[in-house]
Amino acid sequence: MDQDAPYSSQPLTGVAAGAPKEKAGARMPVRDAMEHMIAVTYGVTYDAVVTRFPAYEAMVEEVVGFVGRSVSAEATPRSVRVLDVACGIGNVSIRLAREGYSVVGIDGVRHLVEIAREKTAERRATMTFQHLDISRDPVPGAGNFDVLVSMHTLYWHPQPAALLEGCRSALRAGGHAVFLTYGRPASVIRTFRELWAAKGLGAAVRALRWLLPTALFERFRDCEHRYLSTAEFHDALGRAGFEVLEARDTFLSDLSHLAWCRAR
């Protein structure tokens, strides 16, 4: 992650229709123990990394803005059902719940869901968190969600096509989704140089607060990283049944592709 070496994007693949689906809790003991250690460490440090980090907060506000544009003027916020896919420790779910939406956060890592529940124990009137992977597990209320948010899930998920299929199934017809995925690795050196050139040394130094722990975390993640071009990203969304309404690159030196979509 801290090298400027060339990289190649990986095509989206998924499970074949009718293939058996692994349950979210099915793990090898050693792998589960390692995942627990990494997830708990991640959960403990992540708040400190992103809290009051302007670039991250700006990206979240972009997402909140698109969710707001997805809601009809006649709807009351409490009536709007939002699904936060791979919610992690719940930061985005919490921000969306502040708008008054009814938010369900889901994640395939039980330990992160537990942290999210603990964080929100006293303010969960409009949000719940559930341990499940949308690519393989039934989502309670599937087909009835108005808006879905998936931040940086496609680039690491082992079954991206099944993930997108599950996202489409969770939404009602005409519902909206906001997807983000990384278009390239968050190279510390390259990103630092780009930010220095574009926004000055101060912005580049501040970005290290996110770049350095992220690079360390990615080294230990047990997954294949998949970086899509804009065309590949939109093609995958289209094949899953989404119409891209608006798209842009965002976050730091435009590391992320953002797409606001409507379910066909």
Protein backbone atom coordinates (compact mmCIF):
# COMPACT_ATOMS: atom_id res chain seq x y z
CA MET A 1 0.00 0.00 0.00
CA ASP A 2 2.92 2.40 0.44
CA GLN A 3 4.57 1.64 -2.89
CA ASP A 4 4.04 3.31 -6.25
CA ALA A 5 4.29 0.02 -8.13
CA PRO A 6 1.78 -0.60 -10.91
CA TYR A 7 -1.38 -2.49 -10.06
CA SER A 8 -4.10 -4.13 -12.09
CA SER A 9 -7.84 -4.17 -11.53
CA GLN A 10 -9.53 -7.50 -10.91
CA PRO A 11 -12.77 -8.46 -12.65
CA LEU A 12 -15.94 -8.86 -10.64
CA THR A 13 -16.93 -12.45 -10.14
CA GLY A 14 -19.63 -14.08 -8.06
CA VAL A 15 -21.14 -17.32 -7.03
CA ALA A 16 -23.13 -19.17 -9.63
CA ALA A 17 -26.89 -19.14 -9.30
CA GLY A 18 -28.03 -21.81 -6.90
CA ALA A 19 -24.57 -22.39 -5.46
CA PRO A 20 -24.52 -23.18 -1.72
CA LYS A 21 -23.94 -20.10 0.39
CA GLU A 22 -21.66 -20.12 3.40
CA LYS A 23 -23.30 -18.85 6.57
CA ALA A 24 -21.89 -15.67 8.10
CA GLY A 25 -20.75 -17.48 11.23
CA ALA A 26 -18.96 -20.37 9.49
CA ARG A 27 -15.23 -19.79 10.09
CA MET A 28 -12.15 -21.84 10.77
CA PRO A 29 -11.14 -21.39 14.45
CA VAL A 30 -7.69 -19.92 13.72
CA ARG A 31 -9.01 -17.56 11.07
CA ASP A 32 -11.85 -16.49 13.36
CA ALA A 33 -9.41 -15.72 16.17
CA MET A 34 -7.23 -13.66 13.82
CA GLU A 35 -10.28 -11.84 12.46
CA HIS A 36 -11.41 -11.10 16.00
CA MET A 37 -8.04 -9.60 16.92
CA ILE A 38 -7.87 -7.46 13.76
CA ALA A 39 -11.51 -6.38 14.01
CA VAL A 40 -11.28 -5.36 17.66
CA THR A 41 -8.06 -3.44 17.03
CA TYR A 42 -9.66 -1.80 14.00
CA GLY A 43 -12.80 -0.93 15.95
CA VAL A 44 -10.87 0.61 18.83
CA THR A 45 -8.64 2.77 16.61
CA TYR A 46 -11.02 3.68 13.78
CA ASP A 47 -13.01 6.28 15.70
CA ALA A 48 -9.82 8.12 16.58
CA VAL A 49 -8.64 7.98 12.97
CA VAL A 50 -11.75 9.40 11.31
CA THR A 51 -13.27 11.61 14.03
CA ARG A 52 -12.81 15.20 12.93
CA PHE A 53 -10.79 14.09 9.92
CA PRO A 54 -12.07 16.61 7.34
CA ALA A 55 -11.65 14.46 4.22
CA TYR A 56 -13.57 11.54 5.72
CA GLU A 57 -16.29 13.76 7.17
CA ALA A 58 -16.71 15.50 3.81
CA MET A 59 -17.13 12.13 2.09
CA VAL A 60 -19.75 11.05 4.62
CA GLU A 61 -21.61 14.32 4.10
CA GLU A 62 -21.61 13.64 0.36
CA VAL A 63 -23.29 10.31 1.08
CA VAL A 64 -25.80 11.94 3.40
CA GLY A 65 -26.59 14.46 0.69
CA PHE A 66 -27.30 11.77 -1.88
CA VAL A 67 -29.48 9.89 0.60
CA GLY A 68 -31.44 13.11 1.10
CA ARG A 69 -31.89 13.49 -2.65
CA SER A 70 -33.24 9.93 -2.74
CA VAL A 71 -36.14 10.78 -0.44
CA SER A 72 -39.38 12.27 -1.72
CA ALA A 73 -40.43 15.64 -0.33
CA GLU A 74 -43.62 14.11 1.08
CA ALA A 75 -41.86 11.41 3.12
CA THR A 76 -41.17 11.89 6.82
CA PRO A 77 -37.58 10.96 7.77
CA ARG A 78 -38.72 8.26 10.21
CA SER A 79 -40.63 6.51 7.40
CA VAL A 80 -37.50 6.26 5.23
CA ARG A 81 -35.75 2.88 5.64
CA VAL A 82 -32.00 3.02 4.99
CA LEU A 83 -29.72 -0.04 4.83
CA ASP A 84 -26.02 0.47 5.59
CA VAL A 85 -24.13 -2.46 4.04
CA ALA A 86 -20.86 -3.55 5.70
CA CYS A 87 -21.49 -0.90 8.34
CA GLY A 88 -18.41 -1.72 10.40
CA ILE A 89 -18.56 0.01 13.76
CA GLY A 90 -21.57 2.08 12.70
CA ASN A 91 -20.20 5.56 12.01
CA VAL A 92 -22.19 6.14 8.83
CA SER A 93 -25.33 4.56 10.31
CA ILE A 94 -25.09 6.93 13.26
CA ARG A 95 -24.73 9.95 10.96
CA LEU A 96 -27.75 8.88 8.88
CA ALA A 97 -29.84 8.26 12.01
CA ARG A 98 -29.13 11.87 13.03
CA GLU A 99 -31.17 12.89 9.97
CA GLY A 100 -34.12 10.99 11.46
CA TYR A 101 -34.04 8.00 9.08
CA SER A 102 -34.77 4.46 10.24
CA VAL A 103 -31.39 2.82 9.71
CA VAL A 104 -30.38 -0.83 9.70
CA GLY A 105 -26.65 -1.50 9.71
CA ILE A 106 -25.39 -4.94 8.69
CA ASP A 107 -21.93 -6.46 8.70
CA GLY A 108 -20.50 -9.95 8.22
CA VAL A 109 -18.02 -9.52 11.09
CA ARG A 110 -19.77 -10.18 14.38
CA HIS A 111 -17.19 -8.30 16.44
CA LEU A 112 -17.75 -5.06 14.52
CA VAL A 113 -21.51 -5.37 14.94
CA GLU A 114 -21.04 -5.79 18.68
CA ILE A 115 -18.93 -2.63 18.81
CA ALA A 116 -21.58 -0.72 16.83
CA ARG A 117 -24.29 -1.88 19.23
CA GLU A 118 -22.22 -0.87 22.25
CA LYS A 119 -21.53 2.57 20.75
CA THR A 120 -25.23 3.22 20.16
CA ALA A 121 -26.76 1.50 23.19
CA GLU A 122 -28.29 4.73 24.47
CA ARG A 123 -29.42 6.20 21.15
CA ARG A 124 -30.79 3.36 19.06
CA ALA A 125 -34.38 4.56 18.70
CA THR A 126 -34.06 4.71 14.92
CA MET A 127 -31.25 2.24 14.21
CA THR A 128 -30.43 -1.41 14.63
CA PHE A 129 -27.39 -3.51 13.81
CA GLN A 130 -27.40 -7.10 12.58
CA HIS A 131 -24.70 -9.66 11.93
CA LEU A 132 -25.10 -10.87 8.36
CA ASP A 133 -23.46 -10.76 4.95
CA ILE A 134 -25.86 -9.49 2.29
CA SER A 135 -24.19 -11.64 -0.37
CA ARG A 136 -25.28 -14.89 1.28
CA ASP A 137 -27.70 -14.27 4.16
CA PRO A 138 -31.39 -13.25 4.04
CA VAL A 139 -31.90 -9.61 4.99
CA PRO A 140 -34.97 -9.02 7.18
CA GLY A 141 -37.23 -6.60 5.32
CA ALA A 142 -35.52 -7.23 1.98
CA GLY A 143 -37.39 -5.61 -0.89
CA ASN A 144 -38.68 -2.78 1.30
CA PHE A 145 -35.67 -0.54 1.86
CA ASP A 146 -35.88 2.92 0.32
CA VAL A 147 -32.16 3.70 0.25
CA LEU A 148 -28.99 1.62 0.53
CA VAL A 149 -25.45 2.75 1.29
CA SER A 150 -22.35 0.67 0.58
CA MET A 151 -19.05 2.40 1.31
CA HIS A 152 -15.90 0.71 0.03
CA THR A 153 -17.20 -2.86 0.14
CA LEU A 154 -16.79 -3.94 -3.50
CA TYR A 155 -13.02 -3.63 -3.51
CA TRP A 156 -12.49 -6.32 -0.85
CA HIS A 157 -15.62 -8.49 -0.79
CA PRO A 158 -14.92 -12.08 -1.94
CA GLN A 159 -18.24 -12.31 -3.84
CA PRO A 160 -18.81 -8.86 -5.38
CA ALA A 161 -21.45 -9.97 -7.89
CA ALA A 162 -23.45 -11.70 -5.17
CA LEU A 163 -22.99 -8.62 -2.98
CA LEU A 164 -24.55 -6.37 -5.63
CA GLU A 165 -27.31 -8.88 -6.25
CA GLY A 166 -28.13 -8.84 -2.54
CA CYS A 167 -28.12 -5.04 -2.53
CA ARG A 168 -30.57 -4.91 -5.41
CA SER A 169 -32.84 -7.46 -3.72
CA ALA A 170 -32.87 -5.43 -0.50
CA LEU A 171 -34.27 -2.34 -2.22
CA ARG A 172 -37.82 -1.72 -3.28
CA ALA A 173 -38.44 -1.07 -6.97
CA GLY A 174 -37.31 2.48 -7.69
CA GLY A 175 -35.27 2.65 -4.49
CA HIS A 176 -31.90 4.37 -4.50
CA ALA A 177 -28.36 3.37 -3.58
CA VAL A 178 -25.07 5.13 -2.95
CA PHE A 179 -22.00 3.03 -3.71
CA LEU A 180 -18.35 3.90 -3.17
CA THR A 181 -15.37 1.81 -4.18
CA TYR A 182 -11.65 2.50 -4.38
CA GLY A 183 -10.33 3.02 -7.89
CA ARG A 184 -6.71 2.44 -6.88
CA PRO A 185 -4.65 1.58 -3.79
CA ALA A 186 -4.24 4.29 -1.18
CA SER A 187 -0.48 4.49 -1.64
CA VAL A 188 0.95 6.60 1.16
CA ILE A 189 3.72 8.12 -0.94
CA ARG A 190 1.69 8.76 -4.08
CA THR A 191 -1.32 10.17 -2.24
CA PHE A 192 0.88 12.38 -0.05
CA ARG A 193 2.58 13.81 -3.15
CA GLU A 194 -0.71 14.40 -4.94
CA LEU A 195 -2.26 16.18 -1.97
CA TRP A 196 0.86 18.29 -1.46
CA ALA A 197 0.73 19.39 -5.10
CA ALA A 198 -3.01 20.04 -5.12
CA LYS A 199 -3.78 21.32 -1.61
CA GLY A 200 -0.48 22.09 0.08
CA LEU A 201 1.83 20.45 2.59
CA GLY A 202 -0.61 20.88 5.50
CA ALA A 203 -3.33 18.84 3.79
CA ALA A 204 -0.82 16.15 2.86
CA VAL A 205 0.46 15.87 6.43
CA ARG A 206 -3.09 15.73 7.85
CA ALA A 207 -3.93 12.90 5.43
CA LEU A 208 -1.25 10.71 7.05
CA ARG A 209 -3.65 10.33 9.98
CA TRP A 210 -5.76 8.08 7.72
CA LEU A 211 -3.19 6.86 5.20
CA LEU A 212 -0.74 5.27 7.63
CA PRO A 213 -3.16 3.17 9.74
CA THR A 214 -5.09 2.22 6.61
CA ALA A 215 -1.94 0.96 4.90
CA LEU A 216 -1.08 -1.09 8.00
CA PHE A 217 -4.60 -2.52 8.26
CA GLU A 218 -4.68 -3.48 4.58
CA ARG A 219 -1.45 -5.44 4.96
CA PHE A 220 -3.12 -7.74 7.46
CA ARG A 221 -6.53 -8.11 5.80
CA ASP A 222 -7.22 -11.61 4.52
CA CYS A 223 -8.76 -10.61 1.20
CA GLU A 224 -8.02 -9.94 -2.45
CA HIS A 225 -8.11 -6.25 -3.27
CA ARG A 226 -10.02 -5.30 -6.40
CA TYR A 227 -9.67 -1.83 -7.93
CA LEU A 228 -12.18 -0.99 -10.66
CA SER A 229 -12.09 1.67 -13.32
CA THR A 230 -15.13 3.92 -13.56
CA ALA A 231 -16.36 1.97 -16.59
CA GLU A 232 -15.95 -1.38 -14.80
CA PHE A 233 -17.71 -0.03 -11.73
CA HIS A 234 -20.70 1.25 -13.68
CA ASP A 235 -20.88 -1.92 -15.76
CA ALA A 236 -21.05 -4.05 -12.60
CA LEU A 237 -23.81 -1.86 -11.20
CA GLY A 238 -25.75 -2.04 -14.45
CA ARG A 239 -25.53 -5.81 -14.60
CA ALA A 240 -26.85 -5.99 -11.03
CA GLY A 241 -29.95 -3.97 -11.94
CA PHE A 242 -28.91 -0.43 -11.06
CA GLU A 243 -29.13 2.70 -13.18
CA VAL A 244 -26.33 5.18 -12.45
CA LEU A 245 -27.89 8.63 -12.04
CA GLU A 246 -24.80 10.59 -11.02
CA ALA A 247 -21.15 9.73 -10.49
CA ARG A 248 -17.97 11.41 -9.34
CA ASP A 249 -14.55 10.70 -7.87
CA THR A 250 -14.02 11.75 -4.27
CA PHE A 251 -11.98 11.39 -1.06
CA LEU A 252 -8.45 12.74 -0.63
CA SER A 253 -6.83 12.69 -4.09
CA ASP A 254 -9.94 11.15 -5.70
CA LEU A 255 -9.20 7.65 -4.44
CA SER A 256 -12.86 6.63 -4.55
CA HIS A 257 -15.51 6.26 -7.22
CA LEU A 258 -18.97 7.32 -6.03
CA ALA A 259 -22.17 6.34 -7.84
CA TRP A 260 -25.72 7.38 -6.98
CA CYS A 261 -28.07 4.81 -8.47
CA ARG A 262 -31.70 3.84 -8.85
CA ALA A 263 -32.89 0.25 -8.70
CA ARG A 264 -34.51 -0.79 -11.95
